[in-house]
Amino acid sequence: MFLTFLVSFLISFFTQKFVILLFEKKKLFIDKIENNEPQKFHSIPTSRGGGIGIFLANFLLVLNPLGIKFLISGSLAFLSGLWEDLQRGLSPKIRLLFQILSAVLAVLLIGAVIKDIRIIEFPYPLAVLFTVFAIVGAINAINIIDGFNGLASGISLMILTSFGIVSYLQNDNELLFIILVNIGAILGFMVFNFPKGKIFLGDGGAYFLGFVIAEISILLPYRHEEVSPWFSLAVLVYPVWEVLFSFYRKTKRGLSPLKPDKFHFHMLINKRITKNNPATSIVIWIFAFPFTVLPVLYYNNTIACAFTALLFILIYNVLYISIIKFKVKNQLSLLFK
């Protein structure tokens, strides 16, 4: 298993170096600062091709029957994001369509659906619809939190580590193989992304990681009755709540949920407290860590996992409102100077 991790890391690492060089020579995958998009927090043009190395490292999945299905299903979401990274201008609706197709393909090829959530069991057609919705939601959730150096990749590492530990405890070597491939790929990317931001994950990388995380979160309880489906929600609660809360915020203000804005939690942390790109990621890592990792201790306890998710949502909302109303003291920013 260590060899799997090492090879994945090396593939991602050297691909990132190549993409950065290609960017410098040919100006491909450029994230131009003059676009003035609200989610931009960098001052120099930077490559958005970090997802290429992560995706190429996942070609190791051809060694695993389940992994092949992951690779095929996730490729549609990845390619739509990659096209946006390379050319820009691909409409959000087209990208959403490709994400839905990826999710549908995963249901057809892999077969796992969210049917029994302990408190209710869905009929199969409804389970399929809910599963597709959940996968698409997770894809966008990872993309939404990809706002600062190392933020989305660091959170993804925590999530995959938690899933990896439970996969190991359940003797699920197939899932553990897929998880280790992606942990290695992410670390190979983070060498260049955190803290200096020499390359960004891009939509392609965020979409693909979101897909992988979503599918693993569904497969773990689907394949192992001991694993509560609420464990997956507890581990994913930060990105999931970020996308749900974002949807609520925007629709309440009469805005399109697909349109980016500057009021995400990580953006407010940066503006009001850290005023520093990598420090923002570190603060949110620390905040999310207990909610992402501790559920491993009670992955079979639905009540404890549900309580963890609800506790996160409560604390998140209190902090969000406090920051908006300036109740969080600006003196905290002194810690990050």
C-alpha atoms as a PDB file:
ATOM      1  CA  MET A   1       0.000   0.000   0.000  1.00  0.00           C
ATOM      2  CA  PHE A   2       2.883   2.380   0.725  1.00  0.00           C
ATOM      3  CA  LEU A   3       4.167   1.811  -2.808  1.00  0.00           C
ATOM      4  CA  THR A   4       0.749   2.846  -4.145  1.00  0.00           C
ATOM      5  CA  PHE A   5       0.916   6.074  -2.146  1.00  0.00           C
ATOM      6  CA  LEU A   6       4.525   6.764  -3.205  1.00  0.00           C
ATOM      7  CA  VAL A   7       3.961   6.207  -6.933  1.00  0.00           C
ATOM      8  CA  SER A   8       0.843   8.383  -6.863  1.00  0.00           C
ATOM      9  CA  PHE A   9       2.743  11.138  -5.059  1.00  0.00           C
ATOM     10  CA  LEU A  10       5.585  11.038  -7.604  1.00  0.00           C
ATOM     11  CA  ILE A  11       3.248  11.086 -10.620  1.00  0.00           C
ATOM     12  CA  SER A  12       1.414  14.092  -9.221  1.00  0.00           C
ATOM     13  CA  PHE A  13       4.614  15.846  -8.102  1.00  0.00           C
ATOM     14  CA  PHE A  14       6.394  15.653 -11.453  1.00  0.00           C
ATOM     15  CA  THR A  15       3.226  16.459 -13.397  1.00  0.00           C
ATOM     16  CA  GLN A  16       2.796  19.629 -11.317  1.00  0.00           C
ATOM     17  CA  LYS A  17       6.383  20.634 -12.137  1.00  0.00           C
ATOM     18  CA  PHE A  18       5.725  20.042 -15.836  1.00  0.00           C
ATOM     19  CA  VAL A  19       2.441  21.991 -15.811  1.00  0.00           C
ATOM     20  CA  ILE A  20       4.104  24.927 -14.028  1.00  0.00           C
ATOM     21  CA  LEU A  21       6.885  24.909 -16.643  1.00  0.00           C
ATOM     22  CA  LEU A  22       4.324  24.678 -19.447  1.00  0.00           C
ATOM     23  CA  PHE A  23       2.459  27.602 -17.922  1.00  0.00           C
ATOM     24  CA  GLU A  24       5.630  29.705 -17.787  1.00  0.00           C
ATOM     25  CA  LYS A  25       6.579  28.903 -21.386  1.00  0.00           C
ATOM     26  CA  LYS A  26       3.203  28.727 -23.137  1.00  0.00           C
ATOM     27  CA  LYS A  27       0.887  30.584 -20.715  1.00  0.00           C
ATOM     28  CA  LEU A  28      -1.551  27.655 -20.625  1.00  0.00           C
ATOM     29  CA  PHE A  29      -4.083  27.176 -17.787  1.00  0.00           C
ATOM     30  CA  ILE A  30      -3.535  30.805 -16.809  1.00  0.00           C
ATOM     31  CA  ASP A  31      -5.611  32.355 -14.025  1.00  0.00           C
ATOM     32  CA  LYS A  32      -5.493  35.992 -15.078  1.00  0.00           C
ATOM     33  CA  ILE A  33      -5.712  38.497 -12.240  1.00  0.00           C
ATOM     34  CA  GLU A  34      -7.523  41.035 -14.391  1.00  0.00           C
ATOM     35  CA  ASN A  35     -10.671  38.880 -14.408  1.00  0.00           C
ATOM     36  CA  ASN A  36     -11.611  40.486 -11.054  1.00  0.00           C
ATOM     37  CA  GLU A  37     -13.719  37.517  -9.984  1.00  0.00           C
ATOM     38  CA  PRO A  38     -14.847  37.764  -6.321  1.00  0.00           C
ATOM     39  CA  GLN A  39     -13.137  34.496  -5.360  1.00  0.00           C
ATOM     40  CA  LYS A  40      -9.658  35.649  -6.462  1.00  0.00           C
ATOM     41  CA  PHE A  41      -7.126  36.297  -3.703  1.00  0.00           C
ATOM     42  CA  HIS A  42      -3.824  36.339  -5.591  1.00  0.00           C
ATOM     43  CA  SER A  43      -1.895  39.132  -7.274  1.00  0.00           C
ATOM     44  CA  ILE A  44       0.081  37.353 -10.022  1.00  0.00           C
ATOM     45  CA  PRO A  45      -1.088  35.120 -12.901  1.00  0.00           C
ATOM     46  CA  THR A  46      -0.940  31.487 -11.788  1.00  0.00           C
ATOM     47  CA  SER A  47      -1.525  28.115 -13.437  1.00  0.00           C
ATOM     48  CA  ARG A  48      -4.891  26.485 -12.774  1.00  0.00           C
ATOM     49  CA  GLY A  49      -3.667  23.102 -14.008  1.00  0.00           C
ATOM     50  CA  GLY A  50      -3.059  21.395 -10.660  1.00  0.00           C
ATOM     51  CA  GLY A  51      -5.886  18.956 -11.283  1.00  0.00           C
ATOM     52  CA  ILE A  52      -3.990  17.387 -14.178  1.00  0.00           C
ATOM     53  CA  GLY A  53      -1.414  15.797 -11.882  1.00  0.00           C
ATOM     54  CA  ILE A  54      -4.109  14.531  -9.528  1.00  0.00           C
ATOM     55  CA  PHE A  55      -6.092  13.031 -12.405  1.00  0.00           C
ATOM     56  CA  LEU A  56      -3.038  11.400 -14.007  1.00  0.00           C
ATOM     57  CA  ALA A  57      -2.032   9.875 -10.668  1.00  0.00           C
ATOM     58  CA  ASN A  58      -5.487   8.312 -10.574  1.00  0.00           C
ATOM     59  CA  PHE A  59      -4.626   6.271 -13.655  1.00  0.00           C
ATOM     60  CA  LEU A  60      -3.154   3.891 -11.082  1.00  0.00           C
ATOM     61  CA  LEU A  61      -6.789   2.968 -10.463  1.00  0.00           C
ATOM     62  CA  VAL A  62      -6.723   0.820 -13.615  1.00  0.00           C
ATOM     63  CA  LEU A  63      -5.021  -1.755 -11.351  1.00  0.00           C
ATOM     64  CA  ASN A  64      -8.266  -2.031  -9.388  1.00  0.00           C
ATOM     65  CA  PRO A  65     -11.634  -3.121 -10.906  1.00  0.00           C
ATOM     66  CA  LEU A  66     -13.560  -0.646  -8.754  1.00  0.00           C
ATOM     67  CA  GLY A  67     -10.951   2.023  -9.440  1.00  0.00           C
ATOM     68  CA  ILE A  68     -11.505   1.746 -13.194  1.00  0.00           C
ATOM     69  CA  LYS A  69     -15.174   2.604 -12.664  1.00  0.00           C
ATOM     70  CA  PHE A  70     -14.149   5.584 -10.510  1.00  0.00           C
ATOM     71  CA  LEU A  71     -11.828   6.843 -13.225  1.00  0.00           C
ATOM     72  CA  ILE A  72     -14.360   6.480 -16.033  1.00  0.00           C
ATOM     73  CA  SER A  73     -17.216   8.063 -14.070  1.00  0.00           C
ATOM     74  CA  GLY A  74     -15.203  10.959 -12.674  1.00  0.00           C
ATOM     75  CA  SER A  75     -13.552  11.824 -15.978  1.00  0.00           C
ATOM     76  CA  LEU A  76     -16.601  13.709 -17.279  1.00  0.00           C
ATOM     77  CA  ALA A  77     -16.657  16.114 -14.348  1.00  0.00           C
ATOM     78  CA  PHE A  78     -12.874  16.480 -14.541  1.00  0.00           C
ATOM     79  CA  LEU A  79     -12.848  17.237 -18.278  1.00  0.00           C
ATOM     80  CA  SER A  80     -15.533  19.918 -17.967  1.00  0.00           C
ATOM     81  CA  GLY A  81     -13.489  21.586 -15.232  1.00  0.00           C
ATOM     82  CA  LEU A  82     -10.270  21.195 -17.204  1.00  0.00           C
ATOM     83  CA  TRP A  83     -11.862  22.869 -20.217  1.00  0.00           C
ATOM     84  CA  GLU A  84     -12.821  25.812 -18.012  1.00  0.00           C
ATOM     85  CA  ASP A  85      -9.269  25.939 -16.624  1.00  0.00           C
ATOM     86  CA  LEU A  86      -7.780  25.921 -20.122  1.00  0.00           C
ATOM     87  CA  GLN A  87     -10.167  28.078 -22.138  1.00  0.00           C
ATOM     88  CA  ARG A  88     -12.499  29.820 -19.648  1.00  0.00           C
ATOM     89  CA  GLY A  89     -16.031  30.698 -20.692  1.00  0.00           C
ATOM     90  CA  LEU A  90     -17.663  27.259 -20.322  1.00  0.00           C
ATOM     91  CA  SER A  91     -21.039  28.116 -18.819  1.00  0.00           C
ATOM     92  CA  PRO A  92     -21.888  26.911 -15.290  1.00  0.00           C
ATOM     93  CA  LYS A  93     -24.939  25.117 -16.699  1.00  0.00           C
ATOM     94  CA  ILE A  94     -22.803  23.060 -19.103  1.00  0.00           C
ATOM     95  CA  ARG A  95     -20.402  22.160 -16.297  1.00  0.00           C
ATOM     96  CA  LEU A  96     -23.368  21.221 -14.106  1.00  0.00           C
ATOM     97  CA  LEU A  97     -24.656  18.965 -16.889  1.00  0.00           C
ATOM     98  CA  PHE A  98     -21.307  17.139 -17.049  1.00  0.00           C
ATOM     99  CA  GLN A  99     -21.332  16.752 -13.269  1.00  0.00           C
ATOM    100  CA  ILE A 100     -24.795  15.196 -13.428  1.00  0.00           C
ATOM    101  CA  LEU A 101     -23.632  12.848 -16.190  1.00  0.00           C
ATOM    102  CA  SER A 102     -20.661  11.826 -14.037  1.00  0.00           C
ATOM    103  CA  ALA A 103     -22.982  11.088 -11.131  1.00  0.00           C
ATOM    104  CA  VAL A 104     -25.408   9.094 -13.289  1.00  0.00           C
ATOM    105  CA  LEU A 105     -22.526   7.127 -14.800  1.00  0.00           C
ATOM    106  CA  ALA A 106     -21.249   6.339 -11.301  1.00  0.00           C
ATOM    107  CA  VAL A 107     -24.664   4.975 -10.314  1.00  0.00           C
ATOM    108  CA  LEU A 108     -24.754   2.821 -13.456  1.00  0.00           C
ATOM    109  CA  LEU A 109     -21.175   1.520 -13.248  1.00  0.00           C
ATOM    110  CA  ILE A 110     -20.547   1.339  -9.498  1.00  0.00           C
ATOM    111  CA  GLY A 111     -24.121   0.732  -8.418  1.00  0.00           C
ATOM    112  CA  ALA A 112     -23.942   2.322  -4.970  1.00  0.00           C
ATOM    113  CA  VAL A 113     -26.875   4.527  -3.958  1.00  0.00           C
ATOM    114  CA  ILE A 114     -27.964   6.294  -0.779  1.00  0.00           C
ATOM    115  CA  LYS A 115     -30.960   4.123   0.082  1.00  0.00           C
ATOM    116  CA  ASP A 116     -30.977   3.617   3.852  1.00  0.00           C
ATOM    117  CA  ILE A 117     -30.090   6.581   6.080  1.00  0.00           C
ATOM    118  CA  ARG A 118     -31.184   4.768   9.277  1.00  0.00           C
ATOM    119  CA  ILE A 119     -34.138   7.079   9.935  1.00  0.00           C
ATOM    120  CA  ILE A 120     -35.758   6.400   6.547  1.00  0.00           C
ATOM    121  CA  GLU A 121     -35.284   4.055   3.610  1.00  0.00           C
ATOM    122  CA  PHE A 122     -35.829   5.524   0.149  1.00  0.00           C
ATOM    123  CA  PRO A 123     -37.471   3.613  -2.699  1.00  0.00           C
ATOM    124  CA  TYR A 124     -34.869   2.878  -5.362  1.00  0.00           C
ATOM    125  CA  PRO A 125     -35.875   5.589  -7.907  1.00  0.00           C
ATOM    126  CA  LEU A 126     -35.780   8.243  -5.187  1.00  0.00           C
ATOM    127  CA  ALA A 127     -32.491   6.820  -3.882  1.00  0.00           C
ATOM    128  CA  VAL A 128     -30.953   7.238  -7.345  1.00  0.00           C
ATOM    129  CA  LEU A 129     -32.104  10.864  -7.584  1.00  0.00           C
ATOM    130  CA  PHE A 130     -30.843  11.633  -4.080  1.00  0.00           C
ATOM    131  CA  THR A 131     -27.502   9.971  -4.859  1.00  0.00           C
ATOM    132  CA  VAL A 132     -27.018  12.014  -8.027  1.00  0.00           C
ATOM    133  CA  PHE A 133     -27.905  15.175  -6.094  1.00  0.00           C
ATOM    134  CA  ALA A 134     -25.423  14.282  -3.339  1.00  0.00           C
ATOM    135  CA  ILE A 135     -22.571  13.587  -5.768  1.00  0.00           C
ATOM    136  CA  VAL A 136     -23.140  16.828  -7.677  1.00  0.00           C
ATOM    137  CA  GLY A 137     -23.384  18.694  -4.380  1.00  0.00           C
ATOM    138  CA  ALA A 138     -20.057  17.301  -3.157  1.00  0.00           C
ATOM    139  CA  ILE A 139     -18.360  18.117  -6.466  1.00  0.00           C
ATOM    140  CA  ASN A 140     -19.401  21.748  -6.098  1.00  0.00           C
ATOM    141  CA  ALA A 141     -18.692  21.806  -2.369  1.00  0.00           C
ATOM    142  CA  ILE A 142     -14.993  21.066  -2.862  1.00  0.00           C
ATOM    143  CA  ASN A 143     -14.865  23.654  -5.644  1.00  0.00           C
ATOM    144  CA  ILE A 144     -16.530  26.303  -3.468  1.00  0.00           C
ATOM    145  CA  ILE A 145     -14.007  25.931  -0.625  1.00  0.00           C
ATOM    146  CA  ASP A 146     -11.098  26.089  -3.084  1.00  0.00           C
ATOM    147  CA  GLY A 147     -10.450  29.742  -2.298  1.00  0.00           C
ATOM    148  CA  PHE A 148      -7.014  29.851  -0.667  1.00  0.00           C
ATOM    149  CA  ASN A 149      -3.724  28.009  -0.951  1.00  0.00           C
ATOM    150  CA  GLY A 150      -4.132  24.518   0.450  1.00  0.00           C
ATOM    151  CA  LEU A 151      -7.685  24.976   1.720  1.00  0.00           C
ATOM    152  CA  ALA A 152      -9.617  22.517  -0.465  1.00  0.00           C
ATOM    153  CA  SER A 153      -6.698  20.102  -0.757  1.00  0.00           C
ATOM    154  CA  GLY A 154      -6.058  20.158   3.005  1.00  0.00           C
ATOM    155  CA  ILE A 155      -9.723  19.539   3.820  1.00  0.00           C
ATOM    156  CA  SER A 156      -9.804  16.769   1.207  1.00  0.00           C
ATOM    157  CA  LEU A 157      -6.782  15.159   2.885  1.00  0.00           C
ATOM    158  CA  MET A 158      -8.551  15.162   6.254  1.00  0.00           C
ATOM    159  CA  ILE A 159     -11.706  13.677   4.746  1.00  0.00           C
ATOM    160  CA  LEU A 160      -9.857  10.961   2.837  1.00  0.00           C
ATOM    161  CA  THR A 161      -7.733  10.118   5.879  1.00  0.00           C
ATOM    162  CA  SER A 162     -10.876   9.567   7.955  1.00  0.00           C
ATOM    163  CA  PHE A 163     -12.400   7.426   5.218  1.00  0.00           C
ATOM    164  CA  GLY A 164      -9.103   5.566   4.866  1.00  0.00           C
ATOM    165  CA  ILE A 165      -8.957   4.671   8.561  1.00  0.00           C
ATOM    166  CA  VAL A 166     -12.501   3.290   8.514  1.00  0.00           C
ATOM    167  CA  SER A 167     -11.821   1.417   5.251  1.00  0.00           C
ATOM    168  CA  TYR A 168      -8.804  -0.154   6.930  1.00  0.00           C
ATOM    169  CA  LEU A 169     -10.847  -1.105  10.002  1.00  0.00           C
ATOM    170  CA  GLN A 170     -13.425  -2.705   7.698  1.00  0.00           C
ATOM    171  CA  ASN A 171     -10.707  -4.564   5.738  1.00  0.00           C
ATOM    172  CA  ASP A 172     -11.882  -2.868   2.540  1.00  0.00           C
ATOM    173  CA  ASN A 173      -8.649  -2.909   0.551  1.00  0.00           C
ATOM    174  CA  GLU A 174     -10.360  -1.788  -2.657  1.00  0.00           C
ATOM    175  CA  LEU A 175     -11.515   1.489  -1.157  1.00  0.00           C
ATOM    176  CA  LEU A 176      -8.267   1.895   0.775  1.00  0.00           C
ATOM    177  CA  PHE A 177      -6.320   1.588  -2.489  1.00  0.00           C
ATOM    178  CA  ILE A 178      -8.391   4.356  -4.112  1.00  0.00           C
ATOM    179  CA  ILE A 179      -8.020   6.557  -1.039  1.00  0.00           C
ATOM    180  CA  LEU A 180      -4.228   6.133  -0.856  1.00  0.00           C
ATOM    181  CA  VAL A 181      -3.876   6.969  -4.552  1.00  0.00           C
ATOM    182  CA  ASN A 182      -5.720  10.239  -3.980  1.00  0.00           C
ATOM    183  CA  ILE A 183      -3.895  11.106  -0.752  1.00  0.00           C
ATOM    184  CA  GLY A 184      -0.589  10.692  -2.587  1.00  0.00           C
ATOM    185  CA  ALA A 185      -1.848  12.756  -5.522  1.00  0.00           C
ATOM    186  CA  ILE A 186      -3.023  15.585  -3.252  1.00  0.00           C
ATOM    187  CA  LEU A 187       0.276  15.722  -1.356  1.00  0.00           C
ATOM    188  CA  GLY A 188       2.183  15.851  -4.648  1.00  0.00           C
ATOM    189  CA  PHE A 189       0.080  18.885  -5.551  1.00  0.00           C
ATOM    190  CA  MET A 190       0.326  20.576  -2.144  1.00  0.00           C
ATOM    191  CA  VAL A 191       4.125  20.732  -2.337  1.00  0.00           C
ATOM    192  CA  PHE A 192       3.644  23.479  -4.932  1.00  0.00           C
ATOM    193  CA  ASN A 193       0.322  24.921  -3.778  1.00  0.00           C
ATOM    194  CA  PHE A 194       0.888  25.508  -0.065  1.00  0.00           C
ATOM    195  CA  PRO A 195       1.878  28.011   1.127  1.00  0.00           C
ATOM    196  CA  LYS A 196       3.256  29.827  -1.943  1.00  0.00           C
ATOM    197  CA  GLY A 197       0.511  29.056  -4.471  1.00  0.00           C
ATOM    198  CA  LYS A 198       2.753  28.240  -7.440  1.00  0.00           C
ATOM    199  CA  ILE A 199      -0.133  26.281  -8.970  1.00  0.00           C
ATOM    200  CA  PHE A 200      -3.860  26.081  -8.241  1.00  0.00           C
ATOM    201  CA  LEU A 201      -6.182  23.091  -8.100  1.00  0.00           C
ATOM    202  CA  GLY A 202      -8.447  24.561 -10.748  1.00  0.00           C
ATOM    203  CA  ASP A 203     -11.995  23.487 -11.492  1.00  0.00           C
ATOM    204  CA  GLY A 204     -10.779  20.198 -12.969  1.00  0.00           C
ATOM    205  CA  GLY A 205      -8.952  19.182  -9.810  1.00  0.00           C
ATOM    206  CA  ALA A 206     -11.702  20.367  -7.466  1.00  0.00           C
ATOM    207  CA  TYR A 207     -14.424  18.618  -9.465  1.00  0.00           C
ATOM    208  CA  PHE A 208     -12.509  15.336  -9.610  1.00  0.00           C
ATOM    209  CA  LEU A 209     -11.616  15.341  -5.906  1.00  0.00           C
ATOM    210  CA  GLY A 210     -15.215  16.212  -5.068  1.00  0.00           C
ATOM    211  CA  PHE A 211     -16.402  13.272  -7.146  1.00  0.00           C
ATOM    212  CA  VAL A 212     -13.958  10.827  -5.538  1.00  0.00           C
ATOM    213  CA  ILE A 213     -14.853  11.997  -2.030  1.00  0.00           C
ATOM    214  CA  ALA A 214     -18.581  11.811  -2.778  1.00  0.00           C
ATOM    215  CA  GLU A 215     -18.391   8.290  -4.166  1.00  0.00           C
ATOM    216  CA  ILE A 216     -16.287   6.991  -1.271  1.00  0.00           C
ATOM    217  CA  SER A 217     -18.674   8.599   1.230  1.00  0.00           C
ATOM    218  CA  ILE A 218     -21.523   6.672  -0.414  1.00  0.00           C
ATOM    219  CA  LEU A 219     -19.661   3.385  -0.834  1.00  0.00           C
ATOM    220  CA  LEU A 220     -18.428   3.056   2.759  1.00  0.00           C
ATOM    221  CA  PRO A 221     -21.883   2.723   4.382  1.00  0.00           C
ATOM    222  CA  TYR A 222     -23.249   0.973   1.276  1.00  0.00           C
ATOM    223  CA  ARG A 223     -20.658  -1.807   1.491  1.00  0.00           C
ATOM    224  CA  HIS A 224     -20.458  -2.009   5.285  1.00  0.00           C
ATOM    225  CA  GLU A 225     -23.574  -2.050   7.454  1.00  0.00           C
ATOM    226  CA  GLU A 226     -21.460  -1.206  10.515  1.00  0.00           C
ATOM    227  CA  VAL A 227     -20.693   2.224   9.038  1.00  0.00           C
ATOM    228  CA  SER A 228     -23.447   4.758   9.624  1.00  0.00           C
ATOM    229  CA  PRO A 229     -24.347   6.910   6.606  1.00  0.00           C
ATOM    230  CA  TRP A 230     -24.282   9.807   9.064  1.00  0.00           C
ATOM    231  CA  PHE A 231     -20.570   9.186   9.517  1.00  0.00           C
ATOM    232  CA  SER A 232     -20.063  10.304   5.922  1.00  0.00           C
ATOM    233  CA  LEU A 233     -22.130  13.433   6.525  1.00  0.00           C
ATOM    234  CA  ALA A 234     -20.243  14.246   9.729  1.00  0.00           C
ATOM    235  CA  VAL A 235     -16.878  13.945   7.982  1.00  0.00           C
ATOM    236  CA  LEU A 236     -18.069  16.036   5.029  1.00  0.00           C
ATOM    237  CA  VAL A 237     -20.043  18.560   7.057  1.00  0.00           C
ATOM    238  CA  TYR A 238     -17.825  21.595   6.391  1.00  0.00           C
ATOM    239  CA  PRO A 239     -17.887  21.551   2.568  1.00  0.00           C
ATOM    240  CA  VAL A 240     -21.477  20.255   2.484  1.00  0.00           C
ATOM    241  CA  TRP A 241     -22.783  22.977   4.783  1.00  0.00           C
ATOM    242  CA  GLU A 242     -20.761  25.614   2.934  1.00  0.00           C
ATOM    243  CA  VAL A 243     -22.517  24.786  -0.333  1.00  0.00           C
ATOM    244  CA  LEU A 244     -25.987  24.496   1.279  1.00  0.00           C
ATOM    245  CA  PHE A 245     -25.561  27.741   3.205  1.00  0.00           C
ATOM    246  CA  SER A 246     -24.258  29.431   0.059  1.00  0.00           C
ATOM    247  CA  PHE A 247     -27.354  28.275  -1.843  1.00  0.00           C
ATOM    248  CA  TYR A 248     -29.574  29.677   0.938  1.00  0.00           C
ATOM    249  CA  ARG A 249     -27.713  33.017   1.056  1.00  0.00           C
ATOM    250  CA  LYS A 250     -27.860  33.590  -2.663  1.00  0.00           C
ATOM    251  CA  THR A 251     -31.466  32.561  -3.234  1.00  0.00           C
ATOM    252  CA  LYS A 252     -32.594  34.705  -0.298  1.00  0.00           C
ATOM    253  CA  ARG A 253     -30.873  37.699  -1.930  1.00  0.00           C
ATOM    254  CA  GLY A 254     -32.427  36.871  -5.301  1.00  0.00           C
ATOM    255  CA  LEU A 255     -29.104  35.792  -6.829  1.00  0.00           C
ATOM    256  CA  SER A 256     -28.276  32.748  -8.915  1.00  0.00           C
ATOM    257  CA  PRO A 257     -26.773  29.940  -6.774  1.00  0.00           C
ATOM    258  CA  LEU A 258     -24.341  29.317  -9.645  1.00  0.00           C
ATOM    259  CA  LYS A 259     -22.939  32.853  -9.506  1.00  0.00           C
ATOM    260  CA  PRO A 260     -19.808  33.300  -7.314  1.00  0.00           C
ATOM    261  CA  ASP A 261     -19.775  35.889  -4.548  1.00  0.00           C
ATOM    262  CA  LYS A 262     -17.389  37.084  -1.817  1.00  0.00           C
ATOM    263  CA  PHE A 263     -19.355  36.029   1.263  1.00  0.00           C
ATOM    264  CA  HIS A 264     -18.153  32.474   1.790  1.00  0.00           C
ATOM    265  CA  PHE A 265     -16.920  31.618   5.278  1.00  0.00           C
ATOM    266  CA  HIS A 266     -13.264  31.366   4.221  1.00  0.00           C
ATOM    267  CA  MET A 267     -13.447  34.745   2.497  1.00  0.00           C
ATOM    268  CA  LEU A 268     -14.824  36.402   5.628  1.00  0.00           C
ATOM    269  CA  ILE A 269     -12.131  34.754   7.776  1.00  0.00           C
ATOM    270  CA  ASN A 270      -9.526  36.213   5.436  1.00  0.00           C
ATOM    271  CA  LYS A 271     -11.074  39.677   5.276  1.00  0.00           C
ATOM    272  CA  ARG A 272     -11.909  40.125   8.960  1.00  0.00           C
ATOM    273  CA  ILE A 273      -9.274  38.067  10.790  1.00  0.00           C
ATOM    274  CA  THR A 274      -6.206  36.635   9.047  1.00  0.00           C
ATOM    275  CA  LYS A 275      -5.756  38.982   6.065  1.00  0.00           C
ATOM    276  CA  ASN A 276      -3.287  36.363   4.849  1.00  0.00           C
ATOM    277  CA  ASN A 277      -3.811  33.646   2.223  1.00  0.00           C
ATOM    278  CA  PRO A 278      -2.138  30.549   3.761  1.00  0.00           C
ATOM    279  CA  ALA A 279      -3.066  31.602   7.309  1.00  0.00           C
ATOM    280  CA  THR A 280      -6.733  31.517   6.297  1.00  0.00           C
ATOM    281  CA  SER A 281      -6.366  27.891   5.249  1.00  0.00           C
ATOM    282  CA  ILE A 282      -4.630  26.982   8.515  1.00  0.00           C
ATOM    283  CA  VAL A 283      -7.392  28.594  10.608  1.00  0.00           C
ATOM    284  CA  ILE A 284     -10.098  26.682   8.750  1.00  0.00           C
ATOM    285  CA  TRP A 285      -8.108  23.426   8.890  1.00  0.00           C
ATOM    286  CA  ILE A 286      -7.962  23.783  12.674  1.00  0.00           C
ATOM    287  CA  PHE A 287     -11.670  24.643  12.853  1.00  0.00           C
ATOM    288  CA  ALA A 288     -12.732  21.710  10.647  1.00  0.00           C
ATOM    289  CA  PHE A 289     -10.269  19.128  12.003  1.00  0.00           C
ATOM    290  CA  PRO A 290     -12.211  17.796  15.027  1.00  0.00           C
ATOM    291  CA  PHE A 291     -15.461  17.524  13.075  1.00  0.00           C
ATOM    292  CA  THR A 292     -13.730  15.776  10.173  1.00  0.00           C
ATOM    293  CA  VAL A 293     -11.535  13.349  12.119  1.00  0.00           C
ATOM    294  CA  LEU A 294     -13.222  12.582  15.459  1.00  0.00           C
ATOM    295  CA  PRO A 295     -16.227  10.768  13.879  1.00  0.00           C
ATOM    296  CA  VAL A 296     -13.777   7.949  13.099  1.00  0.00           C
ATOM    297  CA  LEU A 297     -14.038   7.060  16.805  1.00  0.00           C
ATOM    298  CA  TYR A 298     -17.789   6.436  16.537  1.00  0.00           C
ATOM    299  CA  TYR A 299     -18.371   5.734  12.843  1.00  0.00           C
ATOM    300  CA  ASN A 300     -21.065   3.158  13.690  1.00  0.00           C
ATOM    301  CA  ASN A 301     -23.032   5.478  15.989  1.00  0.00           C
ATOM    302  CA  THR A 302     -25.694   7.355  14.033  1.00  0.00           C
ATOM    303  CA  ILE A 303     -26.738   9.614  16.915  1.00  0.00           C
ATOM    304  CA  ALA A 304     -23.161  10.682  17.710  1.00  0.00           C
ATOM    305  CA  CYS A 305     -22.384  11.350  14.043  1.00  0.00           C
ATOM    306  CA  ALA A 306     -25.590  13.338  13.546  1.00  0.00           C
ATOM    307  CA  PHE A 307     -24.853  15.340  16.696  1.00  0.00           C
ATOM    308  CA  THR A 308     -21.346  16.113  15.381  1.00  0.00           C
ATOM    309  CA  ALA A 309     -22.770  17.444  12.122  1.00  0.00           C
ATOM    310  CA  LEU A 310     -25.402  19.545  13.902  1.00  0.00           C
ATOM    311  CA  LEU A 311     -22.837  20.924  16.345  1.00  0.00           C
ATOM    312  CA  PHE A 312     -20.635  22.030  13.450  1.00  0.00           C
ATOM    313  CA  ILE A 313     -23.576  23.749  11.752  1.00  0.00           C
ATOM    314  CA  LEU A 314     -24.466  25.574  14.967  1.00  0.00           C
ATOM    315  CA  ILE A 315     -20.899  26.781  15.585  1.00  0.00           C
ATOM    316  CA  TYR A 316     -20.448  27.717  11.910  1.00  0.00           C
ATOM    317  CA  ASN A 317     -23.626  29.824  11.909  1.00  0.00           C
ATOM    318  CA  VAL A 318     -22.729  31.597  15.160  1.00  0.00           C
ATOM    319  CA  LEU A 319     -19.245  32.394  13.854  1.00  0.00           C
ATOM    320  CA  TYR A 320     -20.562  33.503  10.467  1.00  0.00           C
ATOM    321  CA  ILE A 321     -23.076  35.912  11.992  1.00  0.00           C
ATOM    322  CA  SER A 322     -20.479  37.180  14.478  1.00  0.00           C
ATOM    323  CA  ILE A 323     -17.981  37.899  11.714  1.00  0.00           C
ATOM    324  CA  ILE A 324     -20.601  39.618   9.560  1.00  0.00           C
ATOM    325  CA  LYS A 325     -21.578  41.830  12.510  1.00  0.00           C
ATOM    326  CA  PHE A 326     -17.927  42.506  13.468  1.00  0.00           C
ATOM    327  CA  LYS A 327     -18.322  40.781  16.851  1.00  0.00           C
ATOM    328  CA  VAL A 328     -15.104  38.868  16.203  1.00  0.00           C
ATOM    329  CA  LYS A 329     -12.374  41.234  17.340  1.00  0.00           C
ATOM    330  CA  ASN A 330     -10.033  42.536  14.652  1.00  0.00           C
ATOM    331  CA  GLN A 331      -7.173  42.165  17.150  1.00  0.00           C
ATOM    332  CA  LEU A 332      -7.108  38.475  16.220  1.00  0.00           C
ATOM    333  CA  SER A 333      -5.455  39.529  12.981  1.00  0.00           C
ATOM    334  CA  LEU A 334      -2.319  40.361  14.993  1.00  0.00           C
ATOM    335  CA  LEU A 335      -1.695  36.622  15.324  1.00  0.00           C
ATOM    336  CA  PHE A 336      -1.122  36.364  11.595  1.00  0.00           C
ATOM    337  CA  LYS A 337       1.106  39.383  10.943  1.00  0.00           C
END
